[in-house]
N, C-alpha and C. Protein backbone atom coordinates (compact mmCIF):
# COMPACT_ATOMS: atom_id res chain seq x y z
N MET A 1 45.82 -205.41 102.79
CA MET A 1 46.37 -205.95 103.94
C MET A 1 46.50 -204.84 105.07
N LYS A 2 47.20 -203.59 104.22
CA LYS A 2 47.28 -202.38 105.15
C LYS A 2 46.48 -201.72 105.26
N ASN A 3 45.24 -201.85 104.36
CA ASN A 3 44.23 -200.35 104.28
C ASN A 3 43.02 -201.55 105.34
N ILE A 4 43.36 -202.90 105.58
CA ILE A 4 42.30 -203.11 106.72
C ILE A 4 43.30 -203.10 107.64
N LEU A 5 44.47 -203.18 108.09
CA LEU A 5 45.16 -202.70 109.51
C LEU A 5 44.70 -201.53 109.57
N PHE A 6 45.08 -200.51 109.01
CA PHE A 6 44.75 -199.10 108.98
C PHE A 6 43.30 -199.06 109.36
N THR A 7 42.71 -199.38 108.89
CA THR A 7 40.84 -199.35 109.05
C THR A 7 40.81 -199.90 110.71
N VAL A 8 41.20 -200.83 111.00
CA VAL A 8 40.97 -201.64 112.43
C VAL A 8 41.66 -200.76 113.48
N LEU A 9 42.65 -200.12 113.02
CA LEU A 9 43.49 -199.28 113.96
C LEU A 9 42.68 -197.53 114.25
N MET A 10 42.37 -197.72 113.03
CA MET A 10 41.28 -196.30 113.03
C MET A 10 40.20 -196.23 113.78
N CYS A 11 39.39 -197.59 113.77
CA CYS A 11 38.28 -197.88 114.63
C CYS A 11 38.79 -198.00 116.02
N ALA A 12 39.91 -198.78 116.17
CA ALA A 12 40.24 -199.01 117.70
C ALA A 12 40.31 -197.50 118.67
N LEU A 13 40.96 -196.54 117.64
CA LEU A 13 41.27 -195.29 118.08
C LEU A 13 40.18 -194.40 118.51
N LEU A 14 39.55 -194.31 117.51
CA LEU A 14 38.09 -193.66 117.62
C LEU A 14 36.91 -194.23 118.80
N THR A 15 37.21 -195.66 119.13
CA THR A 15 36.42 -196.19 120.28
C THR A 15 36.91 -196.08 121.13
N THR A 16 38.28 -196.05 121.69
CA THR A 16 38.59 -195.43 123.06
C THR A 16 38.76 -193.92 122.86
N SER A 17 38.93 -192.93 122.20
CA SER A 17 38.87 -191.64 121.76
C SER A 17 37.36 -191.45 122.61
N CYS A 18 36.17 -192.10 122.15
CA CYS A 18 34.91 -191.80 122.52
C CYS A 18 34.73 -192.24 123.70
N THR A 19 35.25 -193.23 124.22
CA THR A 19 35.20 -193.78 125.43
C THR A 19 35.51 -192.87 126.51
N LYS A 20 36.75 -192.28 126.19
CA LYS A 20 38.06 -191.38 127.42
C LYS A 20 36.65 -189.86 127.63
N ASP A 21 36.23 -189.54 126.17
CA ASP A 21 35.43 -188.23 126.23
C ASP A 21 34.42 -188.64 127.20
N LYS A 22 33.50 -189.62 127.31
CA LYS A 22 32.77 -190.12 128.15
C LYS A 22 32.67 -189.99 129.68
N GLU A 23 33.83 -190.70 129.48
CA GLU A 23 34.55 -190.78 131.36
C GLU A 23 35.14 -189.48 131.69
N LEU A 24 35.40 -189.03 130.74
CA LEU A 24 36.30 -186.84 131.64
C LEU A 24 34.90 -186.35 131.56
N ASN A 25 33.66 -186.71 131.27
CA ASN A 25 32.74 -185.81 131.08
C ASN A 25 32.51 -184.74 133.18
N PRO A 26 33.00 -183.70 133.06
CA PRO A 26 33.16 -183.12 134.39
C PRO A 26 31.95 -182.86 134.85
N PHE A 27 30.48 -183.23 134.48
CA PHE A 27 29.34 -182.91 135.14
C PHE A 27 28.55 -184.09 135.03
N LEU A 28 29.24 -185.58 134.74
CA LEU A 28 28.47 -186.61 134.56
C LEU A 28 28.59 -186.98 135.96
N ILE A 29 27.36 -187.64 136.58
CA ILE A 29 27.06 -188.08 138.09
C ILE A 29 26.91 -189.93 137.82
N LYS A 30 27.61 -190.87 138.30
CA LYS A 30 27.47 -192.30 138.07
C LYS A 30 27.46 -192.51 139.68
N LYS A 31 27.61 -194.15 140.19
CA LYS A 31 27.37 -194.34 141.21
C LYS A 31 28.79 -194.06 141.92
N ASP A 32 29.82 -194.39 141.28
CA ASP A 32 31.15 -194.18 142.23
C ASP A 32 32.00 -192.71 141.47
N HIS A 33 31.52 -192.26 140.75
CA HIS A 33 32.18 -190.87 140.80
C HIS A 33 31.00 -189.72 140.25
N ILE A 34 31.19 -188.43 140.55
CA ILE A 34 30.84 -187.32 140.28
C ILE A 34 31.69 -186.77 139.43
N GLY A 35 31.23 -186.41 138.11
CA GLY A 35 32.50 -185.24 137.47
C GLY A 35 33.91 -186.38 137.51
N LEU A 36 34.86 -185.68 138.05
CA LEU A 36 36.26 -185.75 138.34
C LEU A 36 36.57 -186.33 139.35
N LEU A 37 35.49 -186.31 140.17
CA LEU A 37 35.55 -187.26 141.83
C LEU A 37 35.39 -188.18 141.79
N ASN A 38 35.83 -189.17 142.05
CA ASN A 38 35.03 -190.17 142.57
C ASN A 38 35.11 -191.02 143.79
N ASP A 39 34.94 -192.37 144.50
CA ASP A 39 34.77 -192.68 145.91
C ASP A 39 36.29 -192.52 146.44
N SER A 40 37.17 -192.60 146.14
CA SER A 40 38.34 -192.58 146.38
C SER A 40 39.04 -191.49 146.49
N THR A 41 38.69 -190.47 145.94
CA THR A 41 39.51 -189.20 145.85
C THR A 41 39.72 -188.78 147.41
N GLN A 42 41.00 -188.25 147.58
CA GLN A 42 41.31 -187.33 148.90
C GLN A 42 41.01 -185.93 149.08
N VAL A 43 40.89 -185.33 150.32
CA VAL A 43 41.03 -184.20 150.32
C VAL A 43 41.97 -183.20 149.45
N LYS A 44 43.57 -183.94 149.87
CA LYS A 44 44.66 -183.21 149.01
C LYS A 44 44.83 -183.14 147.90
N ASP A 45 44.04 -183.75 146.76
CA ASP A 45 43.84 -184.13 145.43
C ASP A 45 42.91 -183.03 145.01
N LEU A 46 41.97 -182.25 145.74
CA LEU A 46 41.13 -181.27 145.26
C LEU A 46 41.48 -180.25 144.47
N ASP A 47 42.74 -179.46 144.81
CA ASP A 47 43.22 -178.31 144.11
C ASP A 47 43.62 -179.04 143.16
N SER A 48 44.32 -180.38 142.63
CA SER A 48 45.02 -180.36 141.57
C SER A 48 43.47 -180.81 140.78
N ILE A 49 42.39 -181.32 141.12
CA ILE A 49 41.48 -181.91 140.24
C ILE A 49 40.51 -180.39 139.81
N TYR A 50 40.65 -179.67 140.83
CA TYR A 50 39.66 -178.31 139.86
C TYR A 50 40.88 -176.86 140.50
N ARG A 51 41.72 -177.54 139.77
CA ARG A 51 43.07 -176.55 139.63
C ARG A 51 42.43 -175.14 138.38
N ASN A 52 41.40 -175.24 137.91
CA ASN A 52 40.58 -174.06 137.09
C ASN A 52 39.58 -173.42 137.86
N ASP A 53 39.43 -174.31 138.67
CA ASP A 53 38.23 -173.28 140.00
C ASP A 53 38.89 -173.38 141.23
N SER A 54 37.71 -172.77 141.83
CA SER A 54 38.35 -172.56 143.43
C SER A 54 37.86 -173.49 144.20
N VAL A 55 38.42 -173.74 145.35
CA VAL A 55 38.04 -174.97 146.29
C VAL A 55 38.32 -173.51 147.36
N VAL A 56 37.26 -173.80 148.19
CA VAL A 56 37.28 -173.18 149.65
C VAL A 56 36.97 -173.87 150.80
N ARG A 57 37.65 -174.19 151.78
CA ARG A 57 38.23 -174.59 152.91
C ARG A 57 37.74 -174.10 153.81
N TYR A 58 36.35 -174.40 154.44
CA TYR A 58 36.02 -173.30 155.81
C TYR A 58 36.20 -174.39 157.12
N ILE A 59 37.34 -173.61 158.12
CA ILE A 59 37.62 -174.48 158.91
C ILE A 59 37.04 -173.97 160.30
N ALA A 60 35.86 -174.47 160.72
CA ALA A 60 34.89 -174.22 161.87
C ALA A 60 35.42 -174.33 163.19
N GLY A 61 35.85 -173.73 164.21
CA GLY A 61 36.15 -173.59 165.10
C GLY A 61 37.34 -174.51 165.15
N ASP A 62 38.06 -175.26 166.32
CA ASP A 62 39.28 -176.30 166.30
C ASP A 62 39.07 -177.36 166.25
N GLU A 63 40.67 -178.05 165.87
CA GLU A 63 40.60 -179.20 165.28
C GLU A 63 40.25 -180.44 166.42
N PHE A 64 39.77 -180.25 167.96
CA PHE A 64 39.49 -180.87 168.63
C PHE A 64 37.96 -181.25 168.65
N VAL A 65 37.32 -180.42 168.08
CA VAL A 65 35.89 -180.78 167.92
C VAL A 65 35.66 -182.09 167.19
N GLY A 66 36.35 -182.01 165.83
CA GLY A 66 35.89 -183.19 165.85
C GLY A 66 34.64 -183.03 164.54
N SER A 67 34.15 -181.80 164.32
CA SER A 67 33.23 -181.77 162.97
C SER A 67 33.98 -181.72 161.87
N VAL A 68 32.96 -182.23 161.16
CA VAL A 68 33.15 -182.42 159.36
C VAL A 68 32.97 -181.14 159.04
N ASN A 69 33.97 -180.67 158.00
CA ASN A 69 34.11 -179.14 157.62
C ASN A 69 33.74 -179.44 156.06
N THR A 70 32.47 -178.70 155.90
CA THR A 70 32.30 -179.04 154.33
C THR A 70 33.42 -178.16 153.45
N ILE A 71 33.38 -178.67 152.00
CA ILE A 71 34.66 -177.65 151.15
C ILE A 71 33.61 -177.48 149.97
N GLU A 72 33.45 -176.19 149.80
CA GLU A 72 32.97 -175.66 148.36
C GLU A 72 33.76 -175.49 147.15
N VAL A 73 33.11 -175.90 146.21
CA VAL A 73 34.00 -176.41 144.86
C VAL A 73 33.00 -174.61 144.30
N PHE A 74 33.93 -173.54 143.84
CA PHE A 74 33.30 -173.00 142.83
C PHE A 74 34.03 -172.34 141.69
N GLU A 75 33.43 -172.28 140.46
CA GLU A 75 33.69 -172.25 139.31
C GLU A 75 34.49 -170.40 139.14
N LYS A 76 35.71 -170.15 138.61
CA LYS A 76 36.18 -169.37 138.75
C LYS A 76 35.35 -167.46 138.20
N GLY A 77 34.26 -167.82 137.69
CA GLY A 77 33.33 -166.82 137.34
C GLY A 77 32.60 -166.75 138.78
N GLY A 78 32.58 -167.57 140.24
CA GLY A 78 31.85 -167.24 140.91
C GLY A 78 30.63 -168.25 141.24
N LYS A 79 30.50 -169.27 140.56
CA LYS A 79 29.01 -170.10 139.98
C LYS A 79 29.49 -171.29 141.46
N LYS A 80 28.49 -171.58 142.05
CA LYS A 80 28.91 -172.55 143.19
C LYS A 80 28.46 -174.09 142.47
N LEU A 81 29.51 -174.87 142.68
CA LEU A 81 29.26 -176.41 141.83
C LEU A 81 29.05 -177.47 142.82
N LEU A 82 29.69 -177.24 143.97
CA LEU A 82 29.55 -178.40 144.73
C LEU A 82 29.81 -178.23 146.10
N ASP A 83 29.52 -178.99 147.21
CA ASP A 83 29.93 -179.02 148.71
C ASP A 83 30.20 -180.42 148.85
N LEU A 84 31.23 -180.30 149.50
CA LEU A 84 31.92 -181.81 149.49
C LEU A 84 32.24 -181.88 151.01
N SER A 85 31.64 -183.05 151.67
CA SER A 85 31.93 -183.07 152.93
C SER A 85 33.13 -184.60 153.05
N PRO A 86 33.90 -184.26 153.86
CA PRO A 86 35.59 -185.47 153.82
C PRO A 86 34.37 -186.11 154.91
N ARG A 87 35.31 -187.87 154.89
CA ARG A 87 34.85 -188.77 156.38
C ARG A 87 35.50 -188.13 157.38
N GLU A 88 36.65 -187.70 157.46
CA GLU A 88 37.57 -186.79 158.61
C GLU A 88 37.60 -185.69 158.27
N ALA A 89 37.16 -184.93 159.37
CA ALA A 89 37.54 -183.22 159.41
C ALA A 89 39.21 -182.92 159.79
N LEU A 90 39.57 -182.18 159.18
CA LEU A 90 40.99 -181.62 158.85
C LEU A 90 42.28 -182.77 158.91
N ASP A 91 41.56 -183.58 157.93
CA ASP A 91 42.58 -184.51 157.67
C ASP A 91 42.93 -184.49 156.19
N SER A 92 43.88 -183.82 155.28
CA SER A 92 43.92 -184.04 153.84
C SER A 92 44.14 -185.44 153.24
N THR A 93 44.13 -186.60 154.10
CA THR A 93 44.12 -187.75 153.65
C THR A 93 42.61 -188.63 153.30
N SER A 94 42.05 -187.53 153.85
CA SER A 94 40.59 -188.56 153.97
C SER A 94 39.55 -188.29 152.84
N VAL A 95 38.82 -189.34 152.60
CA VAL A 95 38.42 -189.32 151.27
C VAL A 95 36.62 -188.72 151.34
N ILE A 96 36.35 -188.21 150.28
CA ILE A 96 35.16 -187.65 150.43
C ILE A 96 33.97 -188.42 150.64
N ALA A 97 33.04 -187.99 151.68
CA ALA A 97 31.80 -188.86 152.04
C ALA A 97 30.63 -188.50 151.15
N SER A 98 30.40 -187.68 150.85
CA SER A 98 29.35 -186.87 150.45
C SER A 98 29.41 -185.77 149.39
N VAL A 99 28.71 -185.89 148.91
CA VAL A 99 28.68 -184.46 147.86
C VAL A 99 27.11 -183.89 147.22
N ARG A 100 27.17 -182.77 147.98
CA ARG A 100 25.88 -182.03 147.51
C ARG A 100 26.15 -181.52 146.48
N ILE A 101 24.75 -181.68 145.45
CA ILE A 101 24.98 -181.34 143.71
C ILE A 101 24.26 -179.75 144.00
N ILE A 102 25.19 -179.01 143.34
CA ILE A 102 24.50 -177.37 143.68
C ILE A 102 24.01 -176.97 142.08
N ASP A 103 25.05 -177.11 141.43
CA ASP A 103 24.98 -176.81 139.55
C ASP A 103 24.33 -177.91 139.03
N GLU A 104 23.13 -176.97 138.34
CA GLU A 104 22.03 -177.91 137.42
C GLU A 104 23.03 -178.53 135.93
N ARG A 105 24.15 -178.07 135.83
CA ARG A 105 24.68 -178.87 134.89
C ARG A 105 25.20 -180.48 135.12
N PHE A 106 24.98 -180.31 136.44
CA PHE A 106 25.40 -182.06 136.99
C PHE A 106 24.27 -182.73 136.33
N LYS A 107 24.61 -183.85 135.95
CA LYS A 107 23.20 -185.09 135.38
C LYS A 107 24.08 -186.23 135.49
N THR A 108 22.96 -187.21 135.79
CA THR A 108 22.84 -188.52 136.06
C THR A 108 22.96 -188.97 135.00
N GLU A 109 23.66 -190.16 134.71
CA GLU A 109 23.34 -190.86 133.12
C GLU A 109 21.85 -190.88 132.46
N LYS A 110 20.99 -190.86 133.75
CA LYS A 110 19.45 -190.90 133.30
C LYS A 110 18.96 -189.34 133.38
N ASN A 111 19.84 -188.79 133.07
CA ASN A 111 19.36 -187.01 132.87
C ASN A 111 19.04 -186.71 134.01
N ILE A 112 19.12 -186.89 135.32
CA ILE A 112 18.28 -186.32 136.67
C ILE A 112 19.71 -185.22 136.82
N SER A 113 19.13 -184.20 137.30
CA SER A 113 19.60 -182.82 138.22
C SER A 113 18.80 -182.35 138.71
N THR A 114 19.39 -180.99 139.39
CA THR A 114 18.75 -180.15 140.45
C THR A 114 17.59 -179.39 139.93
N LEU A 115 17.46 -179.49 138.53
CA LEU A 115 16.10 -178.90 137.78
C LEU A 115 15.32 -179.99 137.81
N SER A 116 15.41 -181.38 138.03
CA SER A 116 14.39 -182.40 137.65
C SER A 116 13.23 -182.56 139.01
N THR A 117 12.44 -183.22 138.21
CA THR A 117 11.30 -183.23 139.46
C THR A 117 11.05 -184.72 139.71
N PHE A 118 9.96 -184.82 140.80
CA PHE A 118 9.51 -185.98 141.32
C PHE A 118 9.52 -187.29 140.47
N LYS A 119 8.80 -186.54 139.42
CA LYS A 119 8.25 -187.39 137.97
C LYS A 119 9.73 -188.08 137.40
N ASP A 120 10.40 -187.58 137.39
CA ASP A 120 11.74 -187.82 136.72
C ASP A 120 12.41 -188.56 137.07
N ILE A 121 12.77 -188.38 138.65
CA ILE A 121 13.38 -189.68 139.34
C ILE A 121 12.60 -190.70 139.26
N LYS A 122 11.22 -190.57 139.44
CA LYS A 122 10.78 -191.96 139.98
C LYS A 122 10.47 -192.80 138.51
N SER A 123 10.57 -191.96 137.13
CA SER A 123 10.66 -192.82 136.10
C SER A 123 11.66 -193.05 135.79
N ALA A 124 12.79 -192.63 136.39
CA ALA A 124 14.35 -192.90 136.19
C ALA A 124 14.72 -194.40 136.80
N TYR A 125 14.78 -193.96 137.99
CA TYR A 125 15.15 -195.06 139.42
C TYR A 125 13.97 -195.66 139.97
N LYS A 126 14.29 -196.99 140.76
CA LYS A 126 13.33 -197.39 141.73
C LYS A 126 13.58 -196.62 142.70
N ILE A 127 12.90 -196.11 143.84
CA ILE A 127 12.67 -195.64 145.34
C ILE A 127 13.10 -196.54 145.80
N SER A 128 14.33 -196.16 146.86
CA SER A 128 14.47 -197.31 147.92
C SER A 128 13.75 -196.81 148.84
N LYS A 129 13.44 -195.46 149.28
CA LYS A 129 12.94 -195.12 150.63
C LYS A 129 12.78 -194.08 150.63
N VAL A 130 11.58 -193.54 151.64
CA VAL A 130 11.06 -191.71 151.70
C VAL A 130 11.15 -191.87 153.33
N ASP A 131 12.24 -190.88 153.69
CA ASP A 131 12.53 -190.33 155.00
C ASP A 131 11.41 -189.19 155.08
N ASN A 132 10.09 -188.99 156.42
CA ASN A 132 9.72 -187.58 156.61
C ASN A 132 10.39 -187.08 157.53
N LEU A 133 11.13 -186.05 157.18
CA LEU A 133 11.74 -185.08 158.44
C LEU A 133 10.62 -183.76 158.59
N ILE A 134 11.44 -182.81 159.51
CA ILE A 134 10.83 -181.86 159.79
C ILE A 134 10.32 -180.88 158.84
N ASN A 135 10.97 -180.22 157.58
CA ASN A 135 10.54 -179.39 156.97
C ASN A 135 10.88 -179.99 155.24
N VAL A 136 11.25 -181.18 155.22
CA VAL A 136 11.62 -181.92 154.12
C VAL A 136 11.55 -183.47 154.09
N ILE A 137 11.12 -184.12 152.74
CA ILE A 137 10.99 -185.19 152.74
C ILE A 137 12.56 -185.71 151.73
N LEU A 138 12.96 -186.73 152.32
CA LEU A 138 14.27 -187.24 152.10
C LEU A 138 14.00 -188.84 150.88
N VAL A 139 14.16 -188.43 149.70
CA VAL A 139 13.81 -189.71 148.89
C VAL A 139 15.12 -190.61 148.43
N SER A 140 15.36 -191.49 148.98
CA SER A 140 16.63 -192.38 148.44
C SER A 140 16.75 -193.56 147.53
N VAL A 141 17.74 -193.57 146.50
CA VAL A 141 17.80 -193.72 145.09
C VAL A 141 19.09 -194.88 145.68
N ASN A 142 19.07 -195.94 146.04
CA ASN A 142 20.56 -196.65 146.15
C ASN A 142 21.17 -197.16 144.83
N GLU A 143 20.52 -197.31 143.82
CA GLU A 143 20.89 -197.78 142.50
C GLU A 143 22.25 -196.52 142.37
N ILE A 144 22.27 -195.18 142.86
CA ILE A 144 23.40 -194.38 142.16
C ILE A 144 23.98 -193.77 143.95
N ASN A 145 23.22 -194.52 144.73
CA ASN A 145 23.75 -193.95 146.27
C ASN A 145 23.45 -192.73 146.54
N ALA A 146 22.47 -191.99 145.94
CA ALA A 146 21.71 -190.51 146.14
C ALA A 146 20.50 -190.55 147.27
N SER A 147 20.56 -189.06 147.64
CA SER A 147 19.37 -188.60 148.20
C SER A 147 19.05 -187.26 147.65
N PHE A 148 17.43 -187.41 147.62
CA PHE A 148 17.18 -186.19 146.55
C PHE A 148 15.90 -185.24 147.84
N THR A 149 16.48 -184.14 148.25
CA THR A 149 15.56 -183.49 149.24
C THR A 149 14.34 -182.93 148.68
N ILE A 150 13.49 -183.01 148.99
CA ILE A 150 12.12 -182.22 148.26
C ILE A 150 11.24 -181.44 149.58
N ASP A 151 11.16 -180.08 149.45
CA ASP A 151 10.59 -179.36 150.47
C ASP A 151 9.17 -179.97 150.67
N LYS A 152 8.95 -180.19 151.93
CA LYS A 152 7.37 -180.15 152.13
C LYS A 152 6.59 -179.05 151.58
N LYS A 153 6.40 -178.11 151.25
CA LYS A 153 6.03 -177.00 150.65
C LYS A 153 5.35 -177.45 149.30
N GLU A 154 6.14 -178.16 148.72
CA GLU A 154 5.89 -179.46 147.66
C GLU A 154 4.43 -180.10 147.83
N LEU A 155 4.06 -180.71 149.00
CA LEU A 155 3.50 -181.88 149.09
C LEU A 155 1.59 -180.99 149.61
N PRO A 156 0.97 -182.09 149.48
CA PRO A 156 -0.42 -181.49 149.98
C PRO A 156 -0.29 -181.18 151.17
N ALA A 157 -1.28 -180.15 151.85
CA ALA A 157 -1.31 -179.62 153.13
C ALA A 157 -1.57 -180.51 154.18
N SER A 158 -2.27 -182.14 154.18
CA SER A 158 -2.48 -182.95 154.66
C SER A 158 -1.38 -183.35 155.33
N MET A 159 -0.23 -183.52 154.40
CA MET A 159 1.02 -184.27 154.70
C MET A 159 2.46 -183.33 155.37
N ARG A 160 2.50 -182.27 155.48
CA ARG A 160 3.36 -181.08 155.87
C ARG A 160 4.03 -181.07 157.09
N PHE A 161 2.51 -181.61 158.17
CA PHE A 161 2.96 -181.17 159.67
C PHE A 161 3.14 -182.30 160.30
N ASN A 162 2.46 -183.76 159.54
CA ASN A 162 2.62 -185.18 160.53
C ASN A 162 3.80 -185.40 160.30
N MET A 163 4.88 -185.45 161.15
CA MET A 163 6.09 -186.00 160.95
C MET A 163 6.41 -187.86 161.35
N ASP A 164 5.32 -188.00 161.51
CA ASP A 164 4.89 -189.38 162.13
C ASP A 164 4.54 -190.47 160.50
N MET A 165 4.02 -189.62 160.16
CA MET A 165 3.09 -190.29 158.72
C MET A 165 4.37 -190.84 157.96
N ASN A 166 3.71 -191.67 157.50
CA ASN A 166 4.58 -192.65 156.57
C ASN A 166 4.38 -192.38 155.51
N ILE A 167 5.18 -191.88 154.44
CA ILE A 167 4.72 -191.32 153.10
C ILE A 167 5.28 -192.25 152.06
N ASP A 168 4.61 -192.86 151.20
CA ASP A 168 4.43 -193.57 150.07
C ASP A 168 5.19 -192.96 149.02
N PRO A 169 5.82 -193.48 148.10
CA PRO A 169 6.33 -192.57 146.98
C PRO A 169 5.16 -192.35 145.73
N ILE A 170 3.74 -193.14 145.90
CA ILE A 170 2.56 -192.80 145.13
C ILE A 170 2.08 -191.69 145.49
N GLN A 171 2.34 -190.71 146.95
CA GLN A 171 1.74 -189.97 147.44
C GLN A 171 2.49 -188.45 146.93
N ILE A 172 3.91 -188.54 146.56
CA ILE A 172 4.56 -187.31 146.48
C ILE A 172 3.75 -186.46 145.13
N PRO A 173 3.33 -185.74 145.18
CA PRO A 173 3.36 -185.04 143.82
C PRO A 173 4.26 -185.16 142.61
N GLU A 174 4.04 -185.81 141.57
CA GLU A 174 5.14 -185.89 140.29
C GLU A 174 5.64 -184.56 139.77
N LYS A 175 4.89 -183.42 140.18
CA LYS A 175 5.63 -181.77 139.70
C LYS A 175 6.37 -181.38 140.99
N ALA A 176 6.21 -182.13 141.81
CA ALA A 176 7.26 -181.60 143.19
C ALA A 176 8.81 -181.72 142.81
N LYS A 177 9.49 -180.57 142.89
CA LYS A 177 10.68 -179.82 142.46
C LYS A 177 11.85 -180.42 143.67
N ILE A 178 13.17 -180.88 143.22
CA ILE A 178 13.90 -181.20 143.89
C ILE A 178 14.80 -179.98 144.52
N LYS A 179 14.89 -179.94 145.79
CA LYS A 179 15.49 -178.69 146.70
C LYS A 179 17.06 -178.72 146.21
N PHE A 180 17.50 -179.89 146.49
CA PHE A 180 18.94 -180.60 145.96
C PHE A 180 19.12 -181.74 146.35
N PHE A 181 20.23 -182.40 145.90
CA PHE A 181 20.26 -183.83 146.25
C PHE A 181 22.08 -184.17 146.44
N MET A 182 21.96 -185.04 146.96
CA MET A 182 23.35 -185.47 147.72
C MET A 182 23.67 -186.96 147.17
N ILE A 183 25.24 -187.11 146.75
CA ILE A 183 25.45 -188.48 146.28
C ILE A 183 26.32 -189.11 147.80
N HIS A 184 26.35 -189.94 148.27
CA HIS A 184 26.80 -190.70 149.59
C HIS A 184 28.02 -191.73 149.06
N TRP A 185 29.10 -191.87 149.68
CA TRP A 185 30.06 -192.90 148.97
C TRP A 185 30.37 -193.57 150.64
């Protein structure tokens, strides 16, 4: 009886420890969190979350302008990890509205990172929308609240200069590289 109880206890302990390790992955991207950030993280919490890294707050202009100020997160070695945009500028209780993924170690559960191609995105997720902007196209994936930016230089020449053109996902070359991507909350 003691052996059975001990075995069950050990299995439960291993299961919870494995689950915690997976949840605490500092580079995992899900719909409601990116690494150690989640959709309710406040600006004031960033210094404790990234206590081993550098958090840089750039204050552009004065507080009456009301513009959103980007917060940059760097590793101690100087490598840039993320750009964070708070919902309200200069408010320490504001939550993070969007996160621009810079470092290639950040990956979704389906292994999409800044090193991925359009083919990788298309095979992993359902494309919700494609927006045709001046120099880039924006590929939206609602499943993870993400938008992937692809430079128009990656597109055929006939599609680069017509901003009125509706771009269908099948028109985007599979080898088109992601310039960067963002998660929006």
